[in-house]
Amino acid sequence: MLLVYFYLVTSVMATLRKTPILVGSLQRSFASAAKAKPTKTGSISAVGESIAAKGFLRPLKPYSPPKDAADRIRTVAASLQLKSDQLGSLTEKFEFLNACFQELQHGVPNSQVHELRTISDVIAFYQTSVNTTVPLDALKRVELPENLHIQYEYVRFNPETDTKFNGQTAFPKSSTLVTGLKYRGKYQGHEAKRSWP
């Protein structure tokens, strides 16, 4: 048995010596590097539209511009001795916007600082009012047509407190969950009974 093994090993070694070894065949093959996919970048206007669509949910402070906002901003610019309408360096821009904040008590959001390049841009910003009223609350002040009614304080179904349908629900296996922290105290949730664990 040992002799057969020795014969096999020597014959394999002999064939290996005769066979030319290619350098390329000894190198390991690696997967090619993943090609970077081009990322789809939206334009600035598309991002602005997206933010504007959900803008009423953003935590902004309400601001109504005073009538003399433009004059007050020009006075701030004169006190800082700005030489031109352009806001040249970043330190100059910071000092000017900080002085405007001190004067008018309304700050520029970080997302809009890059848009303010001139004193005219700053005046336009400070003359724009900020309305933080949620659209549903704004409808309370509008006179609605006779055929339209909005229920502002809606009722959530709870079978334990329901008197109209004696606790019978149209959706017997679906729970009513209150997920928001704001409405947990206002509305009571209900967990439906399950027929299986």
N, C-alpha and C. Protein backbone atom coordinates (compact mmCIF):
# COMPACT_ATOMS: atom_id res chain seq x y z
N MET A 1 0.82 -1.18 0.00
CA MET A 1 0.00 0.00 0.00
C MET A 1 0.87 1.24 0.00
N LEU A 2 1.90 1.22 0.82
CA LEU A 2 2.80 2.35 0.90
C LEU A 2 3.53 2.55 -0.42
N LEU A 3 3.82 1.47 -1.08
CA LEU A 3 4.51 1.54 -2.37
C LEU A 3 3.64 2.19 -3.43
N VAL A 4 2.35 1.89 -3.44
CA VAL A 4 1.42 2.48 -4.40
C VAL A 4 1.31 3.98 -4.16
N TYR A 5 1.25 4.36 -2.91
CA TYR A 5 1.16 5.77 -2.57
C TYR A 5 2.41 6.52 -3.03
N PHE A 6 3.58 5.91 -2.79
CA PHE A 6 4.84 6.53 -3.19
C PHE A 6 4.90 6.68 -4.71
N TYR A 7 4.42 5.67 -5.43
CA TYR A 7 4.42 5.72 -6.89
C TYR A 7 3.51 6.85 -7.39
N LEU A 8 2.35 7.00 -6.80
CA LEU A 8 1.42 8.05 -7.22
C LEU A 8 2.00 9.44 -6.97
N VAL A 9 2.62 9.62 -5.83
CA VAL A 9 3.18 10.93 -5.50
C VAL A 9 4.31 11.27 -6.45
N THR A 10 5.17 10.33 -6.76
CA THR A 10 6.30 10.61 -7.65
C THR A 10 5.82 10.86 -9.07
N SER A 11 4.79 10.17 -9.53
CA SER A 11 4.30 10.40 -10.88
C SER A 11 3.63 11.77 -11.00
N VAL A 12 2.93 12.17 -9.96
CA VAL A 12 2.30 13.50 -9.98
C VAL A 12 3.37 14.58 -9.97
N MET A 13 4.41 14.40 -9.16
CA MET A 13 5.49 15.39 -9.10
C MET A 13 6.21 15.49 -10.43
N ALA A 14 6.38 14.35 -11.12
CA ALA A 14 7.06 14.36 -12.42
C ALA A 14 6.23 15.11 -13.45
N THR A 15 4.94 14.91 -13.45
CA THR A 15 4.11 15.62 -14.43
C THR A 15 4.06 17.11 -14.12
N LEU A 16 4.12 17.45 -12.84
CA LEU A 16 4.12 18.87 -12.50
C LEU A 16 5.41 19.55 -12.96
N ARG A 17 6.55 18.83 -12.91
CA ARG A 17 7.81 19.43 -13.34
C ARG A 17 7.82 19.65 -14.84
N LYS A 18 7.15 18.79 -15.59
CA LYS A 18 7.15 18.89 -17.04
C LYS A 18 6.17 19.96 -17.53
N THR A 19 5.11 20.19 -16.76
CA THR A 19 4.09 21.14 -17.18
C THR A 19 4.56 22.56 -16.89
N PRO A 20 4.55 23.43 -17.92
CA PRO A 20 4.94 24.82 -17.65
C PRO A 20 3.85 25.51 -16.81
N ILE A 21 4.30 26.22 -15.83
CA ILE A 21 3.36 26.91 -14.94
C ILE A 21 3.20 28.34 -15.44
N LEU A 22 1.98 28.69 -15.68
CA LEU A 22 1.68 30.05 -16.12
C LEU A 22 1.49 30.93 -14.90
N VAL A 23 2.11 32.08 -14.94
CA VAL A 23 2.03 32.99 -13.80
C VAL A 23 0.60 33.47 -13.61
N GLY A 24 -0.08 33.70 -14.70
CA GLY A 24 -1.45 34.20 -14.61
C GLY A 24 -2.39 33.21 -13.96
N SER A 25 -2.11 31.91 -14.11
CA SER A 25 -3.02 30.93 -13.53
C SER A 25 -2.84 30.80 -12.02
N LEU A 26 -1.68 31.23 -11.50
CA LEU A 26 -1.45 31.14 -10.07
C LEU A 26 -2.02 32.34 -9.31
N GLN A 27 -2.25 33.40 -10.02
CA GLN A 27 -2.77 34.57 -9.33
C GLN A 27 -4.24 34.37 -8.99
N ARG A 28 -4.58 34.87 -7.85
CA ARG A 28 -5.97 34.74 -7.43
C ARG A 28 -6.83 35.72 -8.20
N SER A 29 -8.00 35.27 -8.47
CA SER A 29 -8.95 36.15 -9.16
C SER A 29 -9.83 36.81 -8.11
N PHE A 30 -9.95 38.11 -8.21
CA PHE A 30 -10.81 38.86 -7.31
C PHE A 30 -11.94 39.45 -8.11
N ALA A 31 -13.03 39.63 -7.44
CA ALA A 31 -14.16 40.28 -8.10
C ALA A 31 -13.78 41.72 -8.39
N SER A 32 -14.25 42.19 -9.50
CA SER A 32 -13.95 43.58 -9.83
C SER A 32 -14.63 44.49 -8.81
N ALA A 33 -14.03 45.62 -8.62
CA ALA A 33 -14.58 46.58 -7.65
C ALA A 33 -15.96 47.03 -8.09
N ALA A 34 -16.81 47.23 -7.13
CA ALA A 34 -18.16 47.66 -7.44
C ALA A 34 -18.12 49.06 -8.04
N LYS A 35 -18.79 49.19 -9.14
CA LYS A 35 -18.82 50.49 -9.80
C LYS A 35 -19.81 51.38 -9.06
N ALA A 36 -19.39 52.59 -8.88
CA ALA A 36 -20.26 53.55 -8.19
C ALA A 36 -21.43 53.91 -9.10
N LYS A 37 -22.62 53.75 -8.56
CA LYS A 37 -23.80 54.10 -9.32
C LYS A 37 -23.98 55.61 -9.26
N PRO A 38 -24.38 56.19 -10.34
CA PRO A 38 -24.60 57.64 -10.28
C PRO A 38 -25.78 57.95 -9.37
N THR A 39 -25.54 58.83 -8.41
CA THR A 39 -26.62 59.18 -7.49
C THR A 39 -27.49 60.25 -8.12
N LYS A 40 -28.75 60.08 -7.89
CA LYS A 40 -29.70 61.02 -8.46
C LYS A 40 -29.82 62.20 -7.50
N THR A 41 -29.38 63.34 -7.95
CA THR A 41 -29.45 64.52 -7.11
C THR A 41 -30.51 65.45 -7.68
N GLY A 42 -31.39 65.84 -6.82
CA GLY A 42 -32.44 66.76 -7.23
C GLY A 42 -31.93 68.18 -7.26
N SER A 43 -32.61 68.99 -7.96
CA SER A 43 -32.19 70.38 -8.01
C SER A 43 -32.56 71.07 -6.70
N ILE A 44 -31.98 72.23 -6.49
CA ILE A 44 -32.26 72.99 -5.27
C ILE A 44 -33.73 73.35 -5.21
N SER A 45 -34.31 73.66 -6.35
CA SER A 45 -35.72 74.04 -6.34
C SER A 45 -36.61 72.86 -5.94
N ALA A 46 -36.22 71.63 -6.34
CA ALA A 46 -37.00 70.46 -5.96
C ALA A 46 -36.93 70.22 -4.46
N VAL A 47 -35.75 70.45 -3.88
CA VAL A 47 -35.60 70.30 -2.43
C VAL A 47 -36.43 71.36 -1.72
N GLY A 48 -36.42 72.58 -2.25
CA GLY A 48 -37.21 73.65 -1.67
C GLY A 48 -38.70 73.36 -1.73
N GLU A 49 -39.14 72.79 -2.85
CA GLU A 49 -40.55 72.43 -2.97
C GLU A 49 -40.92 71.34 -1.98
N SER A 50 -40.00 70.39 -1.78
CA SER A 50 -40.25 69.32 -0.83
C SER A 50 -40.38 69.86 0.59
N ILE A 51 -39.49 70.77 0.94
CA ILE A 51 -39.56 71.35 2.29
C ILE A 51 -40.80 72.22 2.43
N ALA A 52 -41.15 72.94 1.36
CA ALA A 52 -42.33 73.80 1.42
C ALA A 52 -43.61 72.97 1.57
N ALA A 53 -43.61 71.75 0.99
CA ALA A 53 -44.79 70.91 1.08
C ALA A 53 -45.07 70.47 2.51
N LYS A 54 -44.01 70.28 3.29
CA LYS A 54 -44.21 69.89 4.68
C LYS A 54 -43.77 70.99 5.64
N GLY A 55 -43.77 72.20 5.15
CA GLY A 55 -43.25 73.32 5.92
C GLY A 55 -44.06 73.67 7.15
N PHE A 56 -45.35 73.41 7.16
CA PHE A 56 -46.15 73.80 8.32
C PHE A 56 -45.85 72.93 9.53
N LEU A 57 -45.16 71.83 9.35
CA LEU A 57 -44.80 70.98 10.48
C LEU A 57 -43.46 71.35 11.09
N ARG A 58 -42.75 72.26 10.46
CA ARG A 58 -41.43 72.62 10.94
C ARG A 58 -41.53 73.55 12.15
N PRO A 59 -40.62 73.42 13.11
CA PRO A 59 -40.71 74.23 14.33
C PRO A 59 -40.15 75.64 14.12
N LEU A 60 -40.89 76.49 13.48
CA LEU A 60 -40.48 77.87 13.26
C LEU A 60 -41.25 78.78 14.20
N LYS A 61 -40.61 79.88 14.54
CA LYS A 61 -41.29 80.87 15.35
C LYS A 61 -42.05 81.82 14.44
N PRO A 62 -43.25 82.21 14.82
CA PRO A 62 -43.99 83.15 13.97
C PRO A 62 -43.30 84.51 13.94
N TYR A 63 -43.42 85.18 12.80
CA TYR A 63 -42.78 86.48 12.64
C TYR A 63 -43.64 87.34 11.73
N SER A 64 -43.97 88.52 12.21
CA SER A 64 -44.65 89.49 11.36
C SER A 64 -43.72 90.70 11.26
N PRO A 65 -43.34 91.07 10.06
CA PRO A 65 -42.33 92.11 9.89
C PRO A 65 -42.86 93.49 10.31
N PRO A 66 -42.03 94.27 10.97
CA PRO A 66 -42.44 95.64 11.28
C PRO A 66 -42.44 96.50 10.02
N LYS A 67 -43.15 97.59 10.05
CA LYS A 67 -43.26 98.44 8.85
C LYS A 67 -41.94 99.09 8.48
N ASP A 68 -41.10 99.35 9.48
CA ASP A 68 -39.83 100.01 9.20
C ASP A 68 -38.66 99.03 9.16
N ALA A 69 -38.91 97.77 8.78
CA ALA A 69 -37.85 96.75 8.77
C ALA A 69 -36.72 97.13 7.82
N ALA A 70 -37.05 97.63 6.62
CA ALA A 70 -36.01 97.97 5.64
C ALA A 70 -35.13 99.10 6.17
N ASP A 71 -35.73 100.11 6.78
CA ASP A 71 -34.95 101.23 7.32
C ASP A 71 -34.05 100.78 8.47
N ARG A 72 -34.56 99.89 9.30
CA ARG A 72 -33.76 99.40 10.42
C ARG A 72 -32.58 98.57 9.94
N ILE A 73 -32.78 97.79 8.88
CA ILE A 73 -31.68 96.99 8.34
C ILE A 73 -30.64 97.89 7.69
N ARG A 74 -31.08 98.92 6.99
CA ARG A 74 -30.12 99.87 6.39
C ARG A 74 -29.33 100.61 7.49
N THR A 75 -29.98 100.90 8.60
CA THR A 75 -29.30 101.54 9.72
C THR A 75 -28.23 100.61 10.30
N VAL A 76 -28.56 99.32 10.41
CA VAL A 76 -27.59 98.33 10.89
C VAL A 76 -26.41 98.25 9.94
N ALA A 77 -26.69 98.25 8.63
CA ALA A 77 -25.61 98.19 7.64
C ALA A 77 -24.72 99.43 7.72
N ALA A 78 -25.33 100.60 7.96
CA ALA A 78 -24.54 101.83 8.08
C ALA A 78 -23.70 101.82 9.35
N SER A 79 -24.24 101.26 10.43
CA SER A 79 -23.48 101.21 11.68
C SER A 79 -22.29 100.26 11.60
N LEU A 80 -22.40 99.24 10.77
CA LEU A 80 -21.28 98.31 10.57
C LEU A 80 -20.34 98.79 9.47
N GLN A 81 -20.67 99.91 8.83
CA GLN A 81 -19.85 100.52 7.78
C GLN A 81 -19.58 99.56 6.62
N LEU A 82 -20.65 98.94 6.14
CA LEU A 82 -20.52 98.07 4.97
C LEU A 82 -20.32 98.94 3.74
N LYS A 83 -19.32 98.60 2.95
CA LYS A 83 -18.94 99.46 1.83
C LYS A 83 -19.82 99.27 0.59
N SER A 84 -20.37 98.08 0.41
CA SER A 84 -21.18 97.84 -0.78
C SER A 84 -22.42 97.04 -0.39
N ASP A 85 -23.26 96.83 -1.39
CA ASP A 85 -24.47 96.05 -1.17
C ASP A 85 -24.15 94.57 -1.00
N GLN A 86 -23.03 94.12 -1.58
CA GLN A 86 -22.62 92.72 -1.49
C GLN A 86 -22.07 92.42 -0.10
N LEU A 87 -22.40 91.24 0.42
CA LEU A 87 -21.82 90.77 1.67
C LEU A 87 -20.60 89.95 1.31
N GLY A 88 -19.42 90.56 1.39
CA GLY A 88 -18.19 89.95 0.88
C GLY A 88 -17.73 88.74 1.64
N SER A 89 -17.13 88.95 2.81
CA SER A 89 -16.54 87.83 3.55
C SER A 89 -17.58 87.20 4.47
N LEU A 90 -17.24 86.02 4.95
CA LEU A 90 -18.16 85.31 5.84
C LEU A 90 -18.27 85.99 7.19
N THR A 91 -17.16 86.56 7.67
CA THR A 91 -17.22 87.26 8.96
C THR A 91 -18.10 88.50 8.87
N GLU A 92 -17.99 89.21 7.75
CA GLU A 92 -18.83 90.39 7.54
C GLU A 92 -20.31 89.99 7.48
N LYS A 93 -20.58 88.89 6.79
CA LYS A 93 -21.95 88.41 6.67
C LYS A 93 -22.49 87.98 8.04
N PHE A 94 -21.66 87.28 8.82
CA PHE A 94 -22.08 86.84 10.15
C PHE A 94 -22.37 88.03 11.05
N GLU A 95 -21.48 89.00 11.07
CA GLU A 95 -21.68 90.17 11.93
C GLU A 95 -22.94 90.93 11.54
N PHE A 96 -23.17 91.05 10.23
CA PHE A 96 -24.36 91.77 9.76
C PHE A 96 -25.64 91.03 10.13
N LEU A 97 -25.68 89.72 9.88
CA LEU A 97 -26.89 88.94 10.20
C LEU A 97 -27.12 88.88 11.71
N ASN A 98 -26.04 88.82 12.48
CA ASN A 98 -26.17 88.80 13.93
C ASN A 98 -26.73 90.14 14.44
N ALA A 99 -26.26 91.24 13.86
CA ALA A 99 -26.77 92.56 14.24
C ALA A 99 -28.25 92.70 13.84
N CYS A 100 -28.61 92.15 12.68
CA CYS A 100 -30.01 92.18 12.25
C CYS A 100 -30.88 91.36 13.20
N PHE A 101 -30.35 90.23 13.66
CA PHE A 101 -31.10 89.41 14.62
C PHE A 101 -31.31 90.18 15.93
N GLN A 102 -30.27 90.85 16.40
CA GLN A 102 -30.39 91.63 17.63
C GLN A 102 -31.42 92.75 17.48
N GLU A 103 -31.47 93.34 16.28
CA GLU A 103 -32.37 94.46 16.04
C GLU A 103 -33.82 94.02 15.90
N LEU A 104 -34.06 92.93 15.14
CA LEU A 104 -35.43 92.53 14.80
C LEU A 104 -35.91 91.29 15.55
N GLN A 105 -35.04 90.62 16.30
CA GLN A 105 -35.40 89.42 17.07
C GLN A 105 -35.99 88.33 16.19
N HIS A 106 -35.40 88.15 15.02
CA HIS A 106 -35.83 87.09 14.10
C HIS A 106 -34.58 86.58 13.39
N GLY A 107 -34.25 85.31 13.61
CA GLY A 107 -33.03 84.75 13.04
C GLY A 107 -33.24 84.13 11.68
N VAL A 108 -32.14 84.02 10.95
CA VAL A 108 -32.15 83.40 9.63
C VAL A 108 -31.89 81.91 9.83
N PRO A 109 -32.75 81.02 9.30
CA PRO A 109 -32.49 79.58 9.41
C PRO A 109 -31.22 79.20 8.64
N ASN A 110 -30.54 78.17 9.11
CA ASN A 110 -29.31 77.72 8.46
C ASN A 110 -29.52 77.36 7.00
N SER A 111 -30.71 76.87 6.68
CA SER A 111 -30.98 76.45 5.31
C SER A 111 -31.12 77.63 4.36
N GLN A 112 -31.21 78.86 4.87
CA GLN A 112 -31.39 80.02 4.00
C GLN A 112 -30.22 80.99 4.05
N VAL A 113 -29.21 80.72 4.85
CA VAL A 113 -28.08 81.66 4.97
C VAL A 113 -27.37 81.82 3.64
N HIS A 114 -27.22 80.73 2.89
CA HIS A 114 -26.48 80.82 1.62
C HIS A 114 -27.22 81.65 0.57
N GLU A 115 -28.51 81.84 0.73
CA GLU A 115 -29.28 82.62 -0.24
C GLU A 115 -29.10 84.12 -0.05
N LEU A 116 -28.68 84.54 1.12
CA LEU A 116 -28.55 85.96 1.43
C LEU A 116 -27.16 86.44 1.04
N ARG A 117 -27.05 87.01 -0.15
CA ARG A 117 -25.75 87.45 -0.67
C ARG A 117 -25.59 88.96 -0.64
N THR A 118 -26.70 89.67 -0.61
CA THR A 118 -26.66 91.13 -0.62
C THR A 118 -27.54 91.67 0.50
N ILE A 119 -27.39 92.96 0.75
CA ILE A 119 -28.24 93.61 1.76
C ILE A 119 -29.70 93.60 1.30
N SER A 120 -29.91 93.69 0.00
CA SER A 120 -31.28 93.63 -0.54
C SER A 120 -31.93 92.28 -0.25
N ASP A 121 -31.14 91.20 -0.34
CA ASP A 121 -31.66 89.87 -0.01
C ASP A 121 -32.07 89.80 1.46
N VAL A 122 -31.27 90.41 2.32
CA VAL A 122 -31.57 90.40 3.76
C VAL A 122 -32.83 91.21 4.03
N ILE A 123 -32.98 92.35 3.34
CA ILE A 123 -34.19 93.16 3.51
C ILE A 123 -35.41 92.37 3.06
N ALA A 124 -35.30 91.68 1.93
CA ALA A 124 -36.42 90.87 1.44
C ALA A 124 -36.77 89.76 2.43
N PHE A 125 -35.74 89.16 3.04
CA PHE A 125 -35.98 88.10 4.03
C PHE A 125 -36.73 88.65 5.24
N TYR A 126 -36.28 89.78 5.75
CA TYR A 126 -36.89 90.34 6.96
C TYR A 126 -38.23 91.02 6.70
N GLN A 127 -38.60 91.21 5.44
CA GLN A 127 -39.92 91.74 5.13
C GLN A 127 -40.93 90.63 4.84
N THR A 128 -40.48 89.38 4.88
CA THR A 128 -41.37 88.24 4.64
C THR A 128 -41.89 87.72 5.97
N SER A 129 -43.19 87.60 6.09
CA SER A 129 -43.76 87.10 7.34
C SER A 129 -43.68 85.57 7.39
N VAL A 130 -43.62 85.05 8.60
CA VAL A 130 -43.59 83.60 8.83
C VAL A 130 -44.87 83.23 9.56
N ASN A 131 -45.68 82.41 8.90
CA ASN A 131 -46.95 81.97 9.46
C ASN A 131 -46.81 80.52 9.88
N THR A 132 -46.97 80.24 11.15
CA THR A 132 -46.81 78.87 11.64
C THR A 132 -48.14 78.19 11.92
N THR A 133 -49.21 78.76 11.43
CA THR A 133 -50.52 78.16 11.65
C THR A 133 -50.68 76.92 10.79
N VAL A 134 -51.12 75.84 11.41
CA VAL A 134 -51.39 74.60 10.68
C VAL A 134 -52.60 74.85 9.78
N PRO A 135 -52.59 74.34 8.54
CA PRO A 135 -53.71 74.59 7.63
C PRO A 135 -55.08 74.20 8.19
N LEU A 136 -55.14 73.16 9.00
CA LEU A 136 -56.43 72.78 9.59
C LEU A 136 -56.92 73.86 10.55
N ASP A 137 -56.00 74.42 11.33
CA ASP A 137 -56.38 75.50 12.24
C ASP A 137 -56.73 76.78 11.48
N ALA A 138 -56.11 76.98 10.33
CA ALA A 138 -56.42 78.17 9.53
C ALA A 138 -57.84 78.08 8.98
N LEU A 139 -58.33 76.87 8.74
CA LEU A 139 -59.70 76.71 8.24
C LEU A 139 -60.75 77.09 9.28
N LYS A 140 -60.37 77.12 10.55
CA LYS A 140 -61.33 77.50 11.60
C LYS A 140 -61.73 78.97 11.46
N ARG A 141 -60.81 79.78 10.93
CA ARG A 141 -61.08 81.21 10.82
C ARG A 141 -61.73 81.60 9.49
N VAL A 142 -61.84 80.65 8.58
CA VAL A 142 -62.41 80.92 7.26
C VAL A 142 -63.89 80.57 7.29
N GLU A 143 -64.69 81.38 6.63
CA GLU A 143 -66.11 81.07 6.54
C GLU A 143 -66.31 80.03 5.44
N LEU A 144 -66.79 78.86 5.83
CA LEU A 144 -66.95 77.75 4.90
C LEU A 144 -68.31 77.80 4.23
N PRO A 145 -68.45 77.21 3.04
CA PRO A 145 -69.77 77.13 2.41
C PRO A 145 -70.72 76.26 3.24
N GLU A 146 -72.01 76.39 2.99
CA GLU A 146 -73.01 75.69 3.79
C GLU A 146 -72.91 74.17 3.66
N ASN A 147 -72.46 73.69 2.50
CA ASN A 147 -72.43 72.25 2.28
C ASN A 147 -71.12 71.60 2.76
N LEU A 148 -70.25 72.37 3.39
CA LEU A 148 -68.97 71.84 3.86
C LEU A 148 -68.86 72.03 5.37
N HIS A 149 -68.54 70.94 6.05
CA HIS A 149 -68.38 70.99 7.49
C HIS A 149 -67.11 70.23 7.86
N ILE A 150 -66.29 70.82 8.71
CA ILE A 150 -65.06 70.18 9.17
C ILE A 150 -65.21 69.92 10.65
N GLN A 151 -64.98 68.67 11.04
CA GLN A 151 -65.07 68.29 12.44
C GLN A 151 -63.67 68.42 13.05
N TYR A 152 -63.44 69.49 13.80
CA TYR A 152 -62.12 69.77 14.34
C TYR A 152 -61.78 68.88 15.51
N GLU A 153 -62.73 68.62 16.38
CA GLU A 153 -62.51 67.72 17.52
C GLU A 153 -63.16 66.39 17.18
N TYR A 154 -62.43 65.54 16.50
CA TYR A 154 -63.01 64.28 16.06
C TYR A 154 -63.06 63.27 17.20
N VAL A 155 -63.89 62.25 17.03
CA VAL A 155 -64.10 61.23 18.05
C VAL A 155 -63.44 59.94 17.58
N ARG A 156 -62.64 59.36 18.45
CA ARG A 156 -62.03 58.07 18.14
C ARG A 156 -62.88 56.96 18.75
N PHE A 157 -63.07 55.91 17.99
CA PHE A 157 -63.92 54.81 18.47
C PHE A 157 -63.19 54.01 19.54
N ASN A 158 -63.89 53.75 20.62
CA ASN A 158 -63.40 52.89 21.69
C ASN A 158 -64.60 52.05 22.14
N PRO A 159 -64.55 50.73 22.02
CA PRO A 159 -65.72 49.91 22.34
C PRO A 159 -66.14 49.99 23.81
N GLU A 160 -65.22 50.36 24.70
CA GLU A 160 -65.57 50.43 26.12
C GLU A 160 -66.40 51.68 26.45
N THR A 161 -66.21 52.74 25.67
CA THR A 161 -66.95 53.98 25.95
C THR A 161 -68.02 54.27 24.91
N ASP A 162 -68.17 53.41 23.91
CA ASP A 162 -69.13 53.66 22.83
C ASP A 162 -70.55 53.41 23.32
N THR A 163 -71.43 54.36 23.05
CA THR A 163 -72.84 54.20 23.42
C THR A 163 -73.74 54.07 22.20
N LYS A 164 -73.25 54.49 21.07
CA LYS A 164 -74.10 54.49 19.87
C LYS A 164 -74.30 53.09 19.30
N PHE A 165 -73.23 52.29 19.28
CA PHE A 165 -73.30 50.96 18.67
C PHE A 165 -73.09 49.85 19.70
N ASN A 166 -73.19 50.15 20.95
CA ASN A 166 -73.01 49.17 22.03
C ASN A 166 -71.67 48.44 21.95
N GLY A 167 -70.64 49.13 21.57
CA GLY A 167 -69.30 48.54 21.53
C GLY A 167 -69.01 47.69 20.32
N GLN A 168 -69.96 47.55 19.39
CA GLN A 168 -69.73 46.76 18.18
C GLN A 168 -68.94 47.61 17.18
N THR A 169 -67.89 47.03 16.65
CA THR A 169 -67.05 47.75 15.70
C THR A 169 -67.12 47.12 14.33
N ALA A 170 -66.87 47.91 13.32
CA ALA A 170 -66.85 47.39 11.95
C ALA A 170 -65.54 46.65 11.67
N PHE A 171 -64.54 46.89 12.49
CA PHE A 171 -63.23 46.26 12.32
C PHE A 171 -62.86 45.57 13.63
N PRO A 172 -63.38 44.35 13.87
CA PRO A 172 -63.23 43.73 15.18
C PRO A 172 -61.80 43.34 15.56
N LYS A 173 -60.92 43.13 14.61
CA LYS A 173 -59.58 42.68 14.95
C LYS A 173 -58.51 43.74 14.70
N SER A 174 -58.92 44.97 14.50
CA SER A 174 -57.92 46.02 14.30
C SER A 174 -57.92 46.97 15.49
N SER A 175 -56.72 47.25 15.96
CA SER A 175 -56.56 48.12 17.13
C SER A 175 -56.48 49.58 16.70
N THR A 176 -56.80 50.45 17.61
CA THR A 176 -56.65 51.88 17.40
C THR A 176 -55.49 52.34 18.27
N LEU A 177 -54.37 52.64 17.64
CA LEU A 177 -53.17 53.01 18.37
C LEU A 177 -52.94 54.51 18.27
N VAL A 178 -52.60 55.12 19.38
CA VAL A 178 -52.22 56.53 19.40
C VAL A 178 -50.71 56.55 19.50
N THR A 179 -50.04 56.91 18.41
CA THR A 179 -48.59 56.83 18.38
C THR A 179 -47.90 58.14 18.75
N GLY A 180 -48.55 59.24 18.53
CA GLY A 180 -47.91 60.52 18.80
C GLY A 180 -47.96 60.90 20.27
N LEU A 181 -46.87 61.48 20.75
CA LEU A 181 -46.81 61.91 22.15
C LEU A 181 -47.77 63.06 22.42
N LYS A 182 -47.99 63.87 21.39
CA LYS A 182 -48.84 65.04 21.56
C LYS A 182 -50.29 64.65 21.85
N TYR A 183 -50.76 63.57 21.23
CA TYR A 183 -52.17 63.20 21.33
C TYR A 183 -52.43 62.04 22.29
N ARG A 184 -51.40 61.54 22.98
CA ARG A 184 -51.63 60.43 23.91
C ARG A 184 -52.55 60.81 25.05
N GLY A 185 -52.43 62.04 25.54
CA GLY A 185 -53.29 62.47 26.63
C GLY A 185 -54.68 62.85 26.15
N LYS A 186 -54.78 63.22 24.88
CA LYS A 186 -56.06 63.69 24.36
C LYS A 186 -56.95 62.55 23.88
N TYR A 187 -56.37 61.56 23.22
CA TYR A 187 -57.15 60.45 22.67
C TYR A 187 -56.71 59.15 23.31
N GLN A 188 -57.68 58.29 23.57
CA GLN A 188 -57.40 57.02 24.20
C GLN A 188 -57.29 55.93 23.13
N GLY A 189 -56.28 55.11 23.22
CA GLY A 189 -56.10 54.01 22.28
C GLY A 189 -56.91 52.79 22.69
N HIS A 190 -57.00 51.83 21.78
CA HIS A 190 -57.76 50.61 22.05
C HIS A 190 -57.03 49.46 21.38
N GLU A 191 -56.79 48.39 22.14
CA GLU A 191 -56.16 47.21 21.58
C GLU A 191 -57.22 46.12 21.43
N ALA A 192 -57.41 45.66 20.21
CA ALA A 192 -58.46 44.68 19.92
C ALA A 192 -58.07 43.31 20.46
N LYS A 193 -59.09 42.52 20.78
CA LYS A 193 -58.85 41.16 21.25
C LYS A 193 -58.50 40.29 20.06
N ARG A 194 -57.54 39.41 20.29
CA ARG A 194 -57.11 38.52 19.21
C ARG A 194 -57.67 37.13 19.44
N SER A 195 -57.91 36.42 18.34
CA SER A 195 -58.40 35.05 18.47
C SER A 195 -57.25 34.05 18.53
N TRP A 196 -56.05 34.49 18.26
CA TRP A 196 -54.87 33.63 18.34
C TRP A 196 -53.73 34.43 18.97
N PRO A 197 -52.78 33.74 19.61
CA PRO A 197 -51.71 34.49 20.29
C PRO A 197 -50.75 35.17 19.38
